[in-house]
């Protein structure tokens, strides 16, 4: 049988001192000067058939700290253009050349593509398969729990 407990020591915890999520904190994380990848640079890389370099460039210059939807849309369109420029046989090698933050950023763009890109879902599924084989389920968890959107 349980003994009655008259302890009130749990009442001494100051719950107001525990830090919680505040949406206003996100305002400090934003940077309005971020413009994303340059369309001219991406076009130049794609014209030289440097698809892997174009992919790295787009992923490294993703405007995740910007709140401007037009900048994010333009960056997404450029990334989708780069992804669709690859042949199926080149995808595996390109994904393996990326480091872990770039793989996570690629996964973010792939998921956004599933939501927004009409007609490119078959190619995005190929990209997802190859990216998952490199990044694993950890990459998916990091992408789905990250508050910074592309």
Protein backbone atom coordinates (compact mmCIF):
# COMPACT_ATOMS: atom_id res chain seq x y z
CA UNK A 1 0.00 0.00 0.00
CA UNK A 2 1.24 3.49 -0.80
CA UNK A 3 2.27 5.79 1.97
CA UNK A 4 0.75 9.22 1.97
CA UNK A 5 3.26 11.87 1.08
CA UNK A 6 2.92 15.36 2.45
CA UNK A 7 5.97 16.70 0.70
CA UNK A 8 5.54 20.10 -0.87
CA UNK A 9 9.12 20.48 -2.10
CA UNK A 10 7.97 20.30 -5.72
CA UNK A 11 6.22 23.62 -5.18
CA UNK A 12 9.54 25.38 -4.79
CA UNK A 13 10.33 25.12 -8.52
CA UNK A 14 9.97 28.46 -10.25
CA UNK A 15 8.25 27.51 -13.51
CA UNK A 16 8.47 31.07 -14.84
CA UNK A 17 12.25 30.83 -14.92
CA UNK A 18 12.16 27.92 -17.38
CA UNK A 19 12.87 29.17 -20.87
CA UNK A 20 10.19 28.42 -23.45
CA UNK A 21 9.88 28.98 -27.18
CA UNK A 22 9.08 32.53 -28.11
CA UNK A 23 8.13 33.24 -31.76
CA UNK A 24 9.60 36.73 -31.46
CA UNK A 25 13.05 35.14 -31.10
CA UNK A 26 12.86 34.15 -34.77
CA UNK A 27 12.92 37.83 -35.70
CA UNK A 28 16.49 38.04 -34.42
CA UNK A 29 17.51 35.09 -36.62
CA UNK A 30 16.40 36.73 -39.86
CA UNK A 31 18.68 38.64 -42.18
CA UNK A 32 16.99 40.77 -44.81
CA UNK A 33 20.24 41.33 -46.71
CA UNK A 34 20.29 37.67 -47.86
CA UNK A 35 19.49 37.53 -51.57
CA UNK A 36 20.08 33.86 -52.30
CA UNK A 37 21.97 32.39 -55.24
CA UNK A 38 22.64 34.49 -58.33
CA UNK A 39 20.76 33.43 -61.43
CA UNK A 40 23.64 34.53 -63.65
CA UNK A 41 26.15 32.41 -61.72
CA UNK A 42 23.87 29.35 -61.89
CA UNK A 43 23.31 29.84 -65.63
CA UNK A 44 27.05 30.20 -66.17
CA UNK A 45 27.77 26.97 -64.28
CA UNK A 46 25.03 25.06 -66.09
CA UNK A 47 26.25 26.30 -69.49
CA UNK A 48 29.73 24.98 -68.67
CA UNK A 49 28.16 21.61 -67.77
CA UNK A 50 29.36 22.03 -64.17
CA UNK A 51 26.11 20.69 -62.71
CA UNK A 52 27.70 19.48 -59.46
CA UNK A 53 29.26 22.90 -58.86
CA UNK A 54 25.93 24.59 -59.60
CA UNK A 55 24.23 22.29 -57.09
CA UNK A 56 26.78 23.10 -54.38
CA UNK A 57 26.50 26.82 -55.14
CA UNK A 58 22.70 26.79 -54.84
CA UNK A 59 22.76 24.78 -51.61
CA UNK A 60 25.45 26.91 -49.97
CA UNK A 61 23.63 30.16 -50.80
CA UNK A 62 20.13 29.11 -49.75
CA UNK A 63 18.24 32.05 -48.20
CA UNK A 64 17.07 30.24 -45.05
CA UNK A 65 17.38 33.35 -42.86
CA UNK A 66 15.34 35.57 -45.17
CA UNK A 67 11.65 36.19 -44.64
CA UNK A 68 11.14 37.47 -48.18
CA UNK A 69 8.99 34.90 -49.99
CA UNK A 70 10.09 36.16 -53.42
CA UNK A 71 13.75 35.52 -52.60
CA UNK A 72 12.92 32.02 -51.36
CA UNK A 73 10.79 31.31 -54.44
CA UNK A 74 13.55 32.46 -56.77
CA UNK A 75 16.11 30.30 -54.93
CA UNK A 76 13.76 27.30 -55.10
CA UNK A 77 13.22 27.80 -58.84
CA UNK A 78 16.99 27.94 -59.38
CA UNK A 79 17.53 24.81 -57.30
CA UNK A 80 14.81 22.95 -59.19
CA UNK A 81 16.38 24.03 -62.47
CA UNK A 82 19.73 22.65 -61.31
CA UNK A 83 18.19 19.38 -60.08
CA UNK A 84 16.38 18.84 -63.37
CA UNK A 85 19.57 19.46 -65.37
CA UNK A 86 21.17 16.25 -64.04
CA UNK A 87 20.98 12.93 -65.85
CA UNK A 88 19.83 10.00 -63.72
CA UNK A 89 23.27 8.42 -63.85
CA UNK A 90 24.94 11.58 -62.46
CA UNK A 91 22.72 12.04 -59.40
CA UNK A 92 24.37 9.45 -57.16
CA UNK A 93 27.86 10.88 -57.65
CA UNK A 94 26.65 14.45 -57.11
CA UNK A 95 24.91 13.61 -53.83
CA UNK A 96 27.92 11.68 -52.53
CA UNK A 97 30.12 14.75 -53.11
CA UNK A 98 28.02 16.86 -50.69
CA UNK A 99 28.74 17.25 -47.00
CA UNK A 100 26.08 16.74 -44.31
CA UNK A 101 24.67 20.32 -44.13
CA UNK A 102 24.42 20.41 -47.92
CA UNK A 103 22.63 17.04 -47.94
CA UNK A 104 20.15 18.41 -45.40
CA UNK A 105 19.60 21.54 -47.48
CA UNK A 106 19.06 19.39 -50.57
CA UNK A 107 16.49 17.35 -48.67
CA UNK A 108 14.70 20.60 -47.72
CA UNK A 109 14.50 21.59 -51.38
CA UNK A 110 13.31 18.11 -52.36
CA UNK A 111 10.45 18.25 -49.85
CA UNK A 112 9.51 21.73 -50.99
CA UNK A 113 9.58 20.40 -54.54
CA UNK A 114 7.16 17.63 -53.63
CA UNK A 115 4.83 20.35 -52.40
CA UNK A 116 5.26 22.84 -55.25
CA UNK A 117 6.78 21.35 -58.39
CA UNK A 118 4.25 20.02 -60.86
CA UNK A 119 5.50 17.41 -63.30
CA UNK A 120 8.91 16.92 -61.67
CA UNK A 121 7.88 14.49 -58.95
CA UNK A 122 9.41 11.43 -60.63
CA UNK A 123 12.81 13.11 -60.84
CA UNK A 124 12.47 14.42 -57.29
CA UNK A 125 11.75 10.89 -56.09
CA UNK A 126 15.02 9.78 -57.67
CA UNK A 127 16.82 12.63 -55.92
CA UNK A 128 15.10 11.70 -52.63
CA UNK A 129 16.19 8.07 -52.93
CA UNK A 130 19.84 8.99 -53.56
CA UNK A 131 19.84 11.69 -50.86
CA UNK A 132 18.28 9.33 -48.34
CA UNK A 133 20.94 6.73 -49.07
CA UNK A 134 23.63 9.29 -48.17
CA UNK A 135 21.91 11.27 -45.39
CA UNK A 136 19.82 8.52 -43.82
CA UNK A 137 16.76 9.05 -41.69
CA UNK A 138 18.66 11.58 -39.58
CA UNK A 139 18.61 13.99 -42.49
CA UNK A 140 14.84 13.68 -42.80
CA UNK A 141 14.35 14.27 -39.08
CA UNK A 142 16.61 17.34 -39.14
CA UNK A 143 14.74 18.77 -42.13
CA UNK A 144 11.28 18.19 -40.70
CA UNK A 145 12.15 19.65 -37.28
CA UNK A 146 14.11 22.67 -38.48
CA UNK A 147 12.21 25.96 -38.23
CA UNK A 148 14.21 27.57 -41.03
CA UNK A 149 12.41 27.02 -44.30
CA UNK A 150 13.66 27.25 -47.88
